[in-house]
């Protein structure tokens, strides 16, 4: 790729500043560091947004080879579940009794909304790229499959505690974990339930968000 170019939407700046300030104030006011990892999760949510922005810019300028498109597309696909994943961190609200649950609600909701928005923008970038090459029906089908993959990735992250890079850093552990899901009835039922819920949530969020972008 020839250019490193992307623009962060203004609403994300505000949410990013809010979530980081709330995390800092949480440390100062309550001396609790338990949600500092959320800042790292937001950083991970940024990566697919940056990659999809660069891919889109270069595709529109016809400066992206087929190899680079496939390579960076795979990297993007491995990272994109990190964006909406922060929504699952809402389960931690109220865990630390020294911090008012309402405070952590604001912190986690602002962080989750930041990650989700980054993910929606990023999926939109990929949809624009696909439309350059395929019909609307094929593009919609691919986007749906991508959302299914994202939902599966969120399940792996929340319940099996896998990270995007584990497929390279711990390939055998990752493969064995995938196998356990489909051979253990308890895991498989959880997979069906939560992946379906995640898929519905992401799909409806994307449809709703897109409707506001076209007005």
N, C-alpha and C. Protein backbone atom coordinates (compact mmCIF):
# COMPACT_ATOMS: atom_id res chain seq x y z
N UNK A 1 0.84 -1.19 0.00
CA UNK A 1 0.00 0.00 0.00
C UNK A 1 0.88 1.25 0.00
N UNK A 2 0.39 2.26 -0.68
CA UNK A 2 1.22 3.43 -0.87
C UNK A 2 0.94 4.58 0.08
N UNK A 3 -0.25 4.56 0.67
CA UNK A 3 -0.62 5.67 1.53
C UNK A 3 -1.12 5.19 2.89
N UNK A 4 -0.76 5.92 3.90
CA UNK A 4 -1.30 5.67 5.23
C UNK A 4 -2.24 6.84 5.52
N UNK A 5 -3.49 6.66 5.16
CA UNK A 5 -4.43 7.77 5.22
C UNK A 5 -5.76 7.29 5.76
N UNK A 6 -6.25 7.94 6.80
CA UNK A 6 -7.58 7.65 7.31
C UNK A 6 -8.06 8.83 8.14
N UNK A 7 -9.37 8.93 8.24
CA UNK A 7 -9.98 10.02 8.99
C UNK A 7 -10.86 9.43 10.08
N UNK A 8 -10.65 9.88 11.30
CA UNK A 8 -11.47 9.41 12.42
C UNK A 8 -12.71 10.29 12.51
N UNK A 9 -13.91 9.70 12.45
CA UNK A 9 -15.14 10.49 12.57
C UNK A 9 -15.18 11.25 13.89
N UNK A 10 -15.71 12.47 13.85
CA UNK A 10 -15.72 13.33 15.03
C UNK A 10 -16.42 12.72 16.25
N UNK A 11 -17.56 12.03 16.08
CA UNK A 11 -18.22 11.45 17.27
C UNK A 11 -17.32 10.48 18.03
N UNK A 12 -16.44 9.79 17.30
CA UNK A 12 -15.55 8.83 17.95
C UNK A 12 -14.51 9.55 18.80
N UNK A 13 -14.05 10.72 18.35
CA UNK A 13 -13.13 11.51 19.17
C UNK A 13 -13.73 11.80 20.53
N UNK A 14 -14.98 12.25 20.53
CA UNK A 14 -15.65 12.62 21.78
C UNK A 14 -15.80 11.41 22.69
N UNK A 15 -16.26 10.28 22.13
CA UNK A 15 -16.45 9.07 22.92
C UNK A 15 -15.11 8.55 23.44
N UNK A 16 -14.09 8.63 22.61
CA UNK A 16 -12.76 8.16 23.01
C UNK A 16 -12.24 8.97 24.19
N UNK A 17 -12.34 10.29 24.10
CA UNK A 17 -11.89 11.16 25.19
C UNK A 17 -12.68 10.88 26.46
N UNK A 18 -14.00 10.73 26.31
CA UNK A 18 -14.86 10.47 27.47
C UNK A 18 -14.48 9.17 28.16
N UNK A 19 -14.34 8.09 27.40
CA UNK A 19 -14.04 6.80 28.01
C UNK A 19 -12.67 6.78 28.68
N UNK A 20 -11.68 7.46 28.07
CA UNK A 20 -10.34 7.51 28.66
C UNK A 20 -10.33 8.36 29.93
N UNK A 21 -11.02 9.49 29.89
CA UNK A 21 -11.10 10.35 31.08
C UNK A 21 -11.81 9.64 32.22
N UNK A 22 -12.87 8.94 31.93
CA UNK A 22 -13.59 8.20 32.97
C UNK A 22 -12.70 7.13 33.59
N UNK A 23 -11.86 6.51 32.77
CA UNK A 23 -10.94 5.50 33.29
C UNK A 23 -9.88 6.14 34.19
N UNK A 24 -9.37 7.30 33.77
CA UNK A 24 -8.37 8.01 34.58
C UNK A 24 -8.98 8.48 35.90
N UNK A 25 -10.17 9.08 35.83
CA UNK A 25 -10.84 9.55 37.04
C UNK A 25 -11.17 8.39 37.98
N UNK A 26 -11.45 7.22 37.41
CA UNK A 26 -11.74 6.03 38.22
C UNK A 26 -10.53 5.66 39.08
N UNK A 27 -9.36 5.79 38.47
CA UNK A 27 -8.13 5.50 39.21
C UNK A 27 -7.89 6.54 40.30
N UNK A 28 -8.09 7.81 39.94
CA UNK A 28 -7.84 8.90 40.88
C UNK A 28 -8.85 8.89 42.03
N UNK A 29 -10.12 8.73 41.69
CA UNK A 29 -11.18 8.82 42.70
C UNK A 29 -11.30 7.57 43.57
N UNK A 30 -11.15 6.40 42.93
CA UNK A 30 -11.42 5.15 43.65
C UNK A 30 -10.20 4.24 43.80
N UNK A 31 -9.07 4.67 43.22
CA UNK A 31 -7.83 3.89 43.29
C UNK A 31 -8.03 2.46 42.77
N UNK A 32 -8.79 2.33 41.68
CA UNK A 32 -9.06 1.03 41.09
C UNK A 32 -8.56 1.01 39.64
N UNK A 33 -7.76 0.00 39.33
CA UNK A 33 -7.16 -0.13 38.01
C UNK A 33 -7.79 -1.26 37.20
N UNK A 34 -8.86 -1.85 37.70
CA UNK A 34 -9.40 -3.07 37.12
C UNK A 34 -9.97 -2.92 35.71
N UNK A 35 -10.27 -1.69 35.29
CA UNK A 35 -10.82 -1.49 33.95
C UNK A 35 -9.84 -0.79 33.01
N UNK A 36 -8.59 -0.71 33.40
CA UNK A 36 -7.59 -0.08 32.53
C UNK A 36 -7.46 -0.85 31.22
N UNK A 37 -7.69 -2.16 31.27
CA UNK A 37 -7.58 -2.98 30.06
C UNK A 37 -8.54 -2.52 28.96
N UNK A 38 -9.60 -1.80 29.35
CA UNK A 38 -10.57 -1.32 28.37
C UNK A 38 -9.90 -0.38 27.37
N UNK A 39 -8.91 0.39 27.83
CA UNK A 39 -8.18 1.29 26.93
C UNK A 39 -7.45 0.47 25.86
N UNK A 40 -6.86 -0.65 26.28
CA UNK A 40 -6.20 -1.56 25.34
C UNK A 40 -7.22 -2.13 24.36
N UNK A 41 -8.41 -2.48 24.86
CA UNK A 41 -9.45 -3.01 23.98
C UNK A 41 -9.89 -1.99 22.94
N UNK A 42 -9.93 -0.72 23.34
CA UNK A 42 -10.28 0.34 22.39
C UNK A 42 -9.20 0.46 21.32
N UNK A 43 -7.94 0.34 21.74
CA UNK A 43 -6.83 0.37 20.77
C UNK A 43 -6.98 -0.77 19.76
N UNK A 44 -7.32 -1.97 20.25
CA UNK A 44 -7.52 -3.10 19.35
C UNK A 44 -8.69 -2.86 18.41
N UNK A 45 -9.70 -2.15 18.91
CA UNK A 45 -10.87 -1.84 18.09
C UNK A 45 -10.51 -0.86 16.97
N UNK A 46 -9.48 -0.04 17.21
CA UNK A 46 -9.03 0.94 16.21
C UNK A 46 -8.32 0.28 15.04
N UNK A 47 -7.61 -0.82 15.30
CA UNK A 47 -6.77 -1.42 14.26
C UNK A 47 -7.53 -1.81 13.00
N UNK A 48 -8.65 -2.54 13.10
CA UNK A 48 -9.37 -2.87 11.87
C UNK A 48 -9.92 -1.64 11.16
N UNK A 49 -10.28 -0.61 11.92
CA UNK A 49 -10.76 0.64 11.32
C UNK A 49 -9.66 1.29 10.49
N UNK A 50 -8.45 1.31 11.03
CA UNK A 50 -7.30 1.88 10.31
C UNK A 50 -7.02 1.07 9.04
N UNK A 51 -7.01 -0.25 9.18
CA UNK A 51 -6.71 -1.11 8.03
C UNK A 51 -7.75 -0.97 6.94
N UNK A 52 -9.04 -1.00 7.32
CA UNK A 52 -10.10 -0.89 6.30
C UNK A 52 -10.08 0.49 5.63
N UNK A 53 -9.72 1.52 6.40
CA UNK A 53 -9.63 2.87 5.82
C UNK A 53 -8.55 2.93 4.75
N UNK A 54 -7.40 2.34 5.06
CA UNK A 54 -6.28 2.34 4.12
C UNK A 54 -6.61 1.50 2.87
N UNK A 55 -7.23 0.33 3.10
CA UNK A 55 -7.61 -0.51 1.97
C UNK A 55 -8.58 0.23 1.06
N UNK A 56 -9.57 0.89 1.65
CA UNK A 56 -10.57 1.62 0.87
C UNK A 56 -9.93 2.75 0.07
N UNK A 57 -9.08 3.54 0.73
CA UNK A 57 -8.42 4.67 0.04
C UNK A 57 -7.58 4.20 -1.14
N UNK A 58 -6.84 3.13 -0.92
CA UNK A 58 -5.98 2.61 -1.98
C UNK A 58 -6.78 1.93 -3.08
N UNK A 59 -7.89 1.29 -2.73
CA UNK A 59 -8.74 0.64 -3.73
C UNK A 59 -9.38 1.69 -4.63
N UNK A 60 -9.84 2.78 -4.03
CA UNK A 60 -10.47 3.85 -4.81
C UNK A 60 -9.47 4.53 -5.74
N UNK A 61 -8.20 4.51 -5.34
CA UNK A 61 -7.16 5.13 -6.17
C UNK A 61 -6.48 4.11 -7.10
N UNK A 62 -7.02 2.86 -7.08
CA UNK A 62 -6.45 1.79 -7.90
C UNK A 62 -4.97 1.56 -7.62
N UNK A 63 -4.60 1.66 -6.35
CA UNK A 63 -3.20 1.47 -5.96
C UNK A 63 -3.01 0.25 -5.06
N UNK A 64 -3.96 -0.68 -5.13
CA UNK A 64 -3.89 -1.86 -4.27
C UNK A 64 -3.85 -3.11 -5.13
N UNK A 65 -2.78 -3.88 -5.01
CA UNK A 65 -2.67 -5.12 -5.78
C UNK A 65 -3.59 -6.18 -5.21
N UNK A 66 -3.86 -7.20 -5.99
CA UNK A 66 -4.74 -8.28 -5.55
C UNK A 66 -4.14 -8.98 -4.33
N UNK A 67 -2.81 -9.16 -4.34
CA UNK A 67 -2.15 -9.81 -3.20
C UNK A 67 -2.34 -9.00 -1.92
N UNK A 68 -2.09 -7.68 -2.01
CA UNK A 68 -2.26 -6.83 -0.83
C UNK A 68 -3.70 -6.80 -0.35
N UNK A 69 -4.64 -6.81 -1.29
CA UNK A 69 -6.05 -6.82 -0.91
C UNK A 69 -6.38 -8.08 -0.12
N UNK A 70 -5.91 -9.22 -0.59
CA UNK A 70 -6.18 -10.49 0.11
C UNK A 70 -5.46 -10.52 1.45
N UNK A 71 -4.18 -10.12 1.45
CA UNK A 71 -3.38 -10.17 2.68
C UNK A 71 -3.98 -9.29 3.77
N UNK A 72 -4.22 -8.01 3.44
CA UNK A 72 -4.74 -7.09 4.44
C UNK A 72 -6.21 -7.38 4.76
N UNK A 73 -6.91 -7.98 3.80
CA UNK A 73 -8.29 -8.39 4.07
C UNK A 73 -8.35 -9.48 5.13
N UNK A 74 -7.40 -10.42 5.08
CA UNK A 74 -7.35 -11.48 6.08
C UNK A 74 -6.97 -10.92 7.45
N UNK A 75 -5.99 -10.02 7.48
CA UNK A 75 -5.60 -9.38 8.74
C UNK A 75 -6.79 -8.64 9.34
N UNK A 76 -7.50 -7.91 8.48
CA UNK A 76 -8.68 -7.18 8.94
C UNK A 76 -9.73 -8.13 9.52
N UNK A 77 -9.95 -9.24 8.83
CA UNK A 77 -10.96 -10.21 9.27
C UNK A 77 -10.62 -10.80 10.63
N UNK A 78 -9.32 -11.00 10.89
CA UNK A 78 -8.90 -11.54 12.18
C UNK A 78 -9.06 -10.51 13.30
N UNK A 79 -8.96 -9.23 12.96
CA UNK A 79 -8.98 -8.18 13.97
C UNK A 79 -10.37 -7.58 14.22
N UNK A 80 -11.26 -7.63 13.23
CA UNK A 80 -12.53 -6.92 13.33
C UNK A 80 -13.41 -7.36 14.50
N UNK A 81 -13.35 -8.62 14.97
CA UNK A 81 -14.17 -8.97 16.14
C UNK A 81 -13.83 -8.14 17.39
N UNK A 82 -12.62 -7.57 17.43
CA UNK A 82 -12.22 -6.76 18.59
C UNK A 82 -13.06 -5.49 18.74
N UNK A 83 -13.63 -5.00 17.64
CA UNK A 83 -14.36 -3.74 17.71
C UNK A 83 -15.67 -3.86 18.49
N UNK A 84 -16.58 -4.75 18.09
CA UNK A 84 -17.80 -4.89 18.89
C UNK A 84 -17.62 -5.70 20.16
N UNK A 85 -16.46 -6.36 20.31
CA UNK A 85 -16.23 -7.21 21.48
C UNK A 85 -16.38 -6.45 22.79
N UNK A 86 -16.04 -5.15 22.80
CA UNK A 86 -16.08 -4.37 24.04
C UNK A 86 -17.49 -4.35 24.63
N UNK A 87 -18.50 -4.57 23.79
CA UNK A 87 -19.88 -4.64 24.29
C UNK A 87 -20.00 -5.73 25.35
N UNK A 88 -19.26 -6.83 25.18
CA UNK A 88 -19.36 -7.93 26.13
C UNK A 88 -18.73 -7.60 27.48
N UNK A 89 -17.93 -6.52 27.53
CA UNK A 89 -17.33 -6.11 28.81
C UNK A 89 -18.37 -5.53 29.76
N UNK A 90 -19.58 -5.30 29.27
CA UNK A 90 -20.63 -4.76 30.14
C UNK A 90 -20.98 -5.73 31.27
N UNK A 91 -20.59 -6.98 31.14
CA UNK A 91 -20.86 -7.95 32.21
C UNK A 91 -20.11 -7.60 33.49
N UNK A 92 -19.10 -6.73 33.39
CA UNK A 92 -18.29 -6.39 34.56
C UNK A 92 -18.89 -5.26 35.40
N UNK A 93 -20.00 -4.70 34.95
CA UNK A 93 -20.63 -3.62 35.72
C UNK A 93 -21.06 -4.14 37.09
N UNK A 94 -20.65 -3.45 38.13
CA UNK A 94 -21.03 -3.82 39.49
C UNK A 94 -20.12 -4.83 40.16
N UNK A 95 -19.08 -5.31 39.45
CA UNK A 95 -18.19 -6.30 40.06
C UNK A 95 -17.34 -5.70 41.17
N UNK A 96 -16.91 -4.46 40.99
CA UNK A 96 -16.08 -3.80 42.00
C UNK A 96 -16.98 -2.92 42.86
N UNK A 97 -17.23 -3.35 44.07
CA UNK A 97 -18.19 -2.64 44.92
C UNK A 97 -17.68 -1.28 45.39
N UNK A 98 -16.37 -1.09 45.34
CA UNK A 98 -15.82 0.21 45.76
C UNK A 98 -16.13 1.31 44.75
N UNK A 99 -16.54 0.91 43.56
CA UNK A 99 -16.88 1.88 42.51
C UNK A 99 -18.38 1.82 42.27
N UNK A 100 -19.07 2.97 42.28
CA UNK A 100 -20.51 2.98 42.01
C UNK A 100 -20.82 2.34 40.67
N UNK A 101 -21.78 1.41 40.61
CA UNK A 101 -22.12 0.75 39.35
C UNK A 101 -22.50 1.74 38.24
N UNK A 102 -23.12 2.85 38.62
CA UNK A 102 -23.52 3.83 37.61
C UNK A 102 -22.29 4.45 36.93
N UNK A 103 -21.22 4.65 37.73
CA UNK A 103 -19.99 5.21 37.17
C UNK A 103 -19.40 4.24 36.14
N UNK A 104 -19.29 2.96 36.54
CA UNK A 104 -18.74 1.97 35.61
C UNK A 104 -19.65 1.77 34.41
N UNK A 105 -20.95 2.00 34.59
CA UNK A 105 -21.87 1.91 33.46
C UNK A 105 -21.54 2.95 32.41
N UNK A 106 -21.31 4.19 32.85
CA UNK A 106 -20.94 5.25 31.91
C UNK A 106 -19.61 4.91 31.23
N UNK A 107 -18.64 4.45 32.01
CA UNK A 107 -17.32 4.13 31.46
C UNK A 107 -17.42 3.03 30.41
N UNK A 108 -18.08 1.93 30.76
CA UNK A 108 -18.13 0.79 29.86
C UNK A 108 -19.05 1.03 28.67
N UNK A 109 -20.15 1.75 28.88
CA UNK A 109 -21.03 2.04 27.76
C UNK A 109 -20.35 2.96 26.74
N UNK A 110 -19.65 3.98 27.21
CA UNK A 110 -18.95 4.88 26.28
C UNK A 110 -17.84 4.13 25.54
N UNK A 111 -17.15 3.23 26.23
CA UNK A 111 -16.10 2.44 25.59
C UNK A 111 -16.70 1.47 24.57
N UNK A 112 -17.79 0.80 24.97
CA UNK A 112 -18.44 -0.16 24.07
C UNK A 112 -18.99 0.54 22.83
N UNK A 113 -19.56 1.72 23.01
CA UNK A 113 -20.11 2.46 21.89
C UNK A 113 -19.00 2.93 20.95
N UNK A 114 -17.84 3.29 21.53
CA UNK A 114 -16.68 3.66 20.71
C UNK A 114 -16.26 2.49 19.83
N UNK A 115 -16.08 1.32 20.45
CA UNK A 115 -15.67 0.13 19.71
C UNK A 115 -16.68 -0.27 18.66
N UNK A 116 -17.96 -0.24 19.03
CA UNK A 116 -19.00 -0.63 18.09
C UNK A 116 -19.04 0.30 16.89
N UNK A 117 -18.96 1.61 17.13
CA UNK A 117 -18.95 2.57 16.03
C UNK A 117 -17.76 2.35 15.09
N UNK A 118 -16.60 2.11 15.68
CA UNK A 118 -15.41 1.84 14.86
C UNK A 118 -15.65 0.61 13.99
N UNK A 119 -16.28 -0.40 14.58
CA UNK A 119 -16.58 -1.61 13.83
C UNK A 119 -17.57 -1.36 12.69
N UNK A 120 -18.60 -0.57 12.95
CA UNK A 120 -19.61 -0.28 11.93
C UNK A 120 -19.01 0.50 10.77
N UNK A 121 -18.19 1.51 11.11
CA UNK A 121 -17.50 2.26 10.05
C UNK A 121 -16.59 1.33 9.24
N UNK A 122 -15.90 0.44 9.93
CA UNK A 122 -14.95 -0.44 9.26
C UNK A 122 -15.67 -1.42 8.33
N UNK A 123 -16.78 -1.99 8.79
CA UNK A 123 -17.57 -2.88 7.94
C UNK A 123 -18.08 -2.13 6.72
N UNK A 124 -18.46 -0.87 6.93
CA UNK A 124 -18.92 -0.04 5.82
C UNK A 124 -17.82 0.16 4.78
N UNK A 125 -16.58 0.32 5.25
CA UNK A 125 -15.45 0.45 4.31
C UNK A 125 -15.34 -0.80 3.44
N UNK A 126 -15.43 -1.96 4.07
CA UNK A 126 -15.30 -3.22 3.33
C UNK A 126 -16.47 -3.39 2.36
N UNK A 127 -17.65 -2.96 2.78
CA UNK A 127 -18.81 -3.05 1.89
C UNK A 127 -18.60 -2.19 0.66
N UNK A 128 -18.04 -1.00 0.83
CA UNK A 128 -17.77 -0.12 -0.31
C UNK A 128 -16.77 -0.76 -1.28
N UNK A 129 -15.77 -1.44 -0.72
CA UNK A 129 -14.77 -2.12 -1.55
C UNK A 129 -15.42 -3.26 -2.34
N UNK A 130 -16.26 -4.02 -1.66
CA UNK A 130 -16.92 -5.16 -2.31
C UNK A 130 -17.85 -4.69 -3.44
N UNK A 131 -18.49 -3.55 -3.25
CA UNK A 131 -19.40 -3.03 -4.27
C UNK A 131 -18.67 -2.65 -5.55
N UNK A 132 -17.38 -2.39 -5.42
CA UNK A 132 -16.59 -2.07 -6.62
C UNK A 132 -16.39 -3.31 -7.49
N UNK A 133 -16.55 -4.49 -6.89
CA UNK A 133 -16.21 -5.73 -7.59
C UNK A 133 -17.41 -6.65 -7.80
N UNK A 134 -18.44 -6.54 -6.94
CA UNK A 134 -19.55 -7.48 -6.98
C UNK A 134 -20.89 -6.77 -7.01
N UNK A 135 -21.94 -7.54 -7.28
CA UNK A 135 -23.30 -7.00 -7.27
C UNK A 135 -23.73 -6.74 -5.83
N UNK A 136 -24.85 -6.04 -5.68
CA UNK A 136 -25.36 -5.74 -4.35
C UNK A 136 -25.72 -7.01 -3.59
N UNK A 137 -26.31 -8.00 -4.28
CA UNK A 137 -26.70 -9.25 -3.61
C UNK A 137 -25.49 -9.99 -3.08
N UNK A 138 -24.46 -10.13 -3.91
CA UNK A 138 -23.25 -10.84 -3.48
C UNK A 138 -22.56 -10.07 -2.35
N UNK A 139 -22.51 -8.75 -2.47
CA UNK A 139 -21.89 -7.92 -1.43
C UNK A 139 -22.62 -8.09 -0.11
N UNK A 140 -23.95 -8.06 -0.14
CA UNK A 140 -24.74 -8.22 1.08
C UNK A 140 -24.52 -9.59 1.71
N UNK A 141 -24.41 -10.61 0.87
CA UNK A 141 -24.17 -11.96 1.37
C UNK A 141 -22.81 -12.06 2.04
N UNK A 142 -21.78 -11.48 1.42
CA UNK A 142 -20.44 -11.51 2.00
C UNK A 142 -20.41 -10.74 3.32
N UNK A 143 -21.07 -9.59 3.38
CA UNK A 143 -21.12 -8.80 4.61
C UNK A 143 -21.80 -9.59 5.72
N UNK A 144 -22.86 -10.32 5.38
CA UNK A 144 -23.55 -11.14 6.37
C UNK A 144 -22.63 -12.24 6.90
N UNK A 145 -21.88 -12.88 6.00
CA UNK A 145 -20.93 -13.93 6.41
C UNK A 145 -19.85 -13.33 7.31
N UNK A 146 -19.39 -12.12 6.98
CA UNK A 146 -18.40 -11.42 7.80
C UNK A 146 -18.96 -11.18 9.19
N UNK A 147 -20.21 -10.75 9.28
CA UNK A 147 -20.84 -10.51 10.58
C UNK A 147 -20.96 -11.81 11.37
N UNK A 148 -21.23 -12.91 10.67
CA UNK A 148 -21.27 -14.21 11.34
C UNK A 148 -19.90 -14.57 11.89
N UNK A 149 -18.86 -14.31 11.11
CA UNK A 149 -17.49 -14.56 11.56
C UNK A 149 -17.16 -13.69 12.77
N UNK A 150 -17.57 -12.43 12.73
CA UNK A 150 -17.34 -11.52 13.86
C UNK A 150 -18.01 -12.05 15.11
N UNK A 151 -19.24 -12.51 14.97
CA UNK A 151 -20.01 -13.04 16.10
C UNK A 151 -19.32 -14.27 16.70
N UNK A 152 -18.82 -15.13 15.82
CA UNK A 152 -18.09 -16.31 16.28
C UNK A 152 -16.81 -15.90 17.01
N UNK A 153 -16.12 -14.88 16.48
CA UNK A 153 -14.91 -14.38 17.12
C UNK A 153 -15.20 -13.79 18.49
N UNK A 154 -16.33 -13.10 18.63
CA UNK A 154 -16.71 -12.55 19.93
C UNK A 154 -16.96 -13.67 20.93
N UNK A 155 -17.58 -14.76 20.47
CA UNK A 155 -17.81 -15.91 21.34
C UNK A 155 -16.49 -16.51 21.81
N UNK A 156 -15.55 -16.67 20.86
CA UNK A 156 -14.24 -17.23 21.22
C UNK A 156 -13.52 -16.34 22.23
N UNK A 157 -13.64 -15.03 22.05
CA UNK A 157 -12.96 -14.11 22.95
C UNK A 157 -13.57 -14.08 24.34
N UNK A 158 -14.89 -14.07 24.41
CA UNK A 158 -15.55 -13.95 25.70
C UNK A 158 -15.54 -15.25 26.50
N UNK A 159 -15.79 -16.37 25.83
CA UNK A 159 -15.97 -17.62 26.57
C UNK A 159 -14.75 -18.54 26.55
N UNK A 160 -13.93 -18.49 25.50
CA UNK A 160 -12.73 -19.31 25.47
C UNK A 160 -11.47 -18.48 25.69
N UNK A 161 -11.66 -17.15 25.80
CA UNK A 161 -10.57 -16.21 26.10
C UNK A 161 -9.46 -16.22 25.06
N UNK A 162 -9.82 -16.45 23.80
CA UNK A 162 -8.85 -16.38 22.72
C UNK A 162 -8.72 -14.94 22.24
N UNK A 163 -7.51 -14.58 21.80
CA UNK A 163 -7.24 -13.29 21.18
C UNK A 163 -7.05 -13.48 19.68
N UNK A 164 -7.12 -12.39 18.93
CA UNK A 164 -6.99 -12.47 17.47
C UNK A 164 -5.67 -13.11 17.05
N UNK A 165 -4.62 -12.83 17.80
CA UNK A 165 -3.29 -13.31 17.41
C UNK A 165 -3.01 -14.74 17.86
N UNK A 166 -3.92 -15.34 18.61
CA UNK A 166 -3.69 -16.71 19.09
C UNK A 166 -3.66 -17.72 17.95
N UNK A 167 -4.32 -17.39 16.84
CA UNK A 167 -4.31 -18.30 15.70
C UNK A 167 -2.89 -18.46 15.15
N UNK A 168 -2.02 -17.46 15.41
CA UNK A 168 -0.62 -17.54 15.01
C UNK A 168 0.29 -17.87 16.18
N UNK A 169 0.00 -17.29 17.36
CA UNK A 169 0.87 -17.49 18.53
C UNK A 169 0.66 -18.85 19.18
N UNK A 170 -0.59 -19.33 19.19
CA UNK A 170 -0.89 -20.63 19.81
C UNK A 170 -1.81 -21.44 18.89
N UNK A 171 -1.32 -21.81 17.72
CA UNK A 171 -2.19 -22.46 16.73
C UNK A 171 -2.82 -23.76 17.20
N UNK A 172 -2.06 -24.62 17.88
CA UNK A 172 -2.60 -25.90 18.31
C UNK A 172 -3.64 -25.72 19.41
N UNK A 173 -3.34 -24.80 20.34
CA UNK A 173 -4.31 -24.52 21.40
C UNK A 173 -5.59 -23.96 20.81
N UNK A 174 -5.43 -23.11 19.81
CA UNK A 174 -6.58 -22.50 19.14
C UNK A 174 -7.41 -23.58 18.43
N UNK A 175 -6.74 -24.45 17.69
CA UNK A 175 -7.44 -25.51 16.95
C UNK A 175 -8.15 -26.46 17.91
N UNK A 176 -7.46 -26.82 19.00
CA UNK A 176 -8.07 -27.71 19.99
C UNK A 176 -9.28 -27.06 20.65
N UNK A 177 -9.19 -25.74 20.86
CA UNK A 177 -10.31 -25.01 21.45
C UNK A 177 -11.52 -25.01 20.52
N UNK A 178 -11.26 -24.83 19.23
CA UNK A 178 -12.35 -24.87 18.25
C UNK A 178 -12.98 -26.26 18.23
N UNK A 179 -12.13 -27.28 18.28
CA UNK A 179 -12.64 -28.65 18.30
C UNK A 179 -13.49 -28.94 19.51
N UNK A 180 -13.08 -28.39 20.66
CA UNK A 180 -13.83 -28.58 21.90
C UNK A 180 -15.23 -28.00 21.80
N UNK A 181 -15.34 -26.88 21.11
CA UNK A 181 -16.65 -26.23 20.96
C UNK A 181 -17.65 -27.15 20.27
N UNK A 182 -17.19 -27.83 19.23
CA UNK A 182 -18.10 -28.63 18.41
C UNK A 182 -18.26 -30.06 18.91
N UNK A 183 -17.49 -30.45 19.91
CA UNK A 183 -17.63 -31.80 20.46
C UNK A 183 -18.23 -31.79 21.86
N UNK A 184 -18.17 -30.64 22.53
CA UNK A 184 -18.74 -30.51 23.87
C UNK A 184 -20.14 -29.88 23.73
N UNK A 185 -21.16 -30.61 24.14
CA UNK A 185 -22.54 -30.15 23.95
C UNK A 185 -22.82 -28.82 24.66
N UNK A 186 -22.22 -28.63 25.85
CA UNK A 186 -22.44 -27.38 26.58
C UNK A 186 -21.86 -26.19 25.82
N UNK A 187 -20.65 -26.35 25.30
CA UNK A 187 -20.03 -25.29 24.51
C UNK A 187 -20.82 -25.04 23.23
N UNK A 188 -21.28 -26.13 22.60
CA UNK A 188 -21.97 -25.99 21.32
C UNK A 188 -23.29 -25.24 21.47
N UNK A 189 -24.02 -25.54 22.54
CA UNK A 189 -25.27 -24.82 22.80
C UNK A 189 -25.00 -23.34 23.06
N UNK A 190 -23.93 -23.08 23.81
CA UNK A 190 -23.54 -21.69 24.06
C UNK A 190 -23.15 -21.00 22.77
N UNK A 191 -22.45 -21.74 21.90
CA UNK A 191 -22.05 -21.19 20.61
C UNK A 191 -23.28 -20.77 19.80
N UNK A 192 -24.26 -21.65 19.72
CA UNK A 192 -25.47 -21.35 18.95
C UNK A 192 -26.21 -20.15 19.54
N UNK A 193 -26.34 -20.13 20.87
CA UNK A 193 -27.10 -19.06 21.51
C UNK A 193 -26.42 -17.71 21.36
N UNK A 194 -25.17 -17.63 21.80
CA UNK A 194 -24.50 -16.33 21.86
C UNK A 194 -24.06 -15.83 20.49
N UNK A 195 -23.66 -16.75 19.62
CA UNK A 195 -23.30 -16.32 18.28
C UNK A 195 -24.52 -15.76 17.56
N UNK A 196 -25.67 -16.39 17.78
CA UNK A 196 -26.92 -15.89 17.18
C UNK A 196 -27.27 -14.51 17.73
N UNK A 197 -27.12 -14.35 19.05
CA UNK A 197 -27.42 -13.05 19.68
C UNK A 197 -26.46 -11.97 19.18
N UNK A 198 -25.17 -12.30 19.14
CA UNK A 198 -24.18 -11.34 18.65
C UNK A 198 -24.48 -10.96 17.20
N UNK A 199 -24.81 -11.96 16.38
CA UNK A 199 -25.08 -11.73 14.96
C UNK A 199 -26.29 -10.80 14.79
N UNK A 200 -27.34 -11.07 15.53
CA UNK A 200 -28.55 -10.24 15.45
C UNK A 200 -28.23 -8.81 15.87
N UNK A 201 -27.47 -8.68 16.96
CA UNK A 201 -27.12 -7.36 17.48
C UNK A 201 -26.29 -6.57 16.47
N UNK A 202 -25.26 -7.20 15.91
CA UNK A 202 -24.39 -6.51 14.96
C UNK A 202 -25.15 -6.16 13.67
N UNK A 203 -25.95 -7.12 13.19
CA UNK A 203 -26.71 -6.89 11.96
C UNK A 203 -27.67 -5.72 12.12
N UNK A 204 -28.44 -5.72 13.21
CA UNK A 204 -29.41 -4.65 13.43
C UNK A 204 -28.72 -3.32 13.70
N UNK A 205 -27.59 -3.37 14.41
CA UNK A 205 -26.83 -2.13 14.67
C UNK A 205 -26.34 -1.54 13.36
N UNK A 206 -25.87 -2.39 12.48
CA UNK A 206 -25.33 -1.92 11.19
C UNK A 206 -26.44 -1.34 10.32
N UNK A 207 -27.57 -2.05 10.27
CA UNK A 207 -28.69 -1.57 9.47
C UNK A 207 -29.18 -0.22 10.00
N UNK A 208 -29.31 -0.11 11.32
CA UNK A 208 -29.78 1.13 11.94
C UNK A 208 -28.79 2.26 11.71
N UNK A 209 -27.51 1.96 11.89
CA UNK A 209 -26.46 2.97 11.70
C UNK A 209 -26.42 3.45 10.26
N UNK A 210 -26.52 2.52 9.30
CA UNK A 210 -26.48 2.90 7.89
C UNK A 210 -27.65 3.80 7.52
N UNK A 211 -28.80 3.57 8.14
CA UNK A 211 -29.97 4.40 7.83
C UNK A 211 -29.75 5.85 8.24
N UNK A 212 -28.94 6.05 9.29
CA UNK A 212 -28.66 7.43 9.73
C UNK A 212 -27.60 8.08 8.85
N UNK A 213 -26.77 7.27 8.19
CA UNK A 213 -25.69 7.81 7.35
C UNK A 213 -26.20 8.29 6.00
N UNK A 214 -27.36 7.79 5.59
CA UNK A 214 -27.87 8.13 4.27
C UNK A 214 -28.84 9.31 4.30
N UNK A 215 -29.12 9.82 5.52
CA UNK A 215 -30.06 10.94 5.63
C UNK A 215 -29.33 12.27 5.47
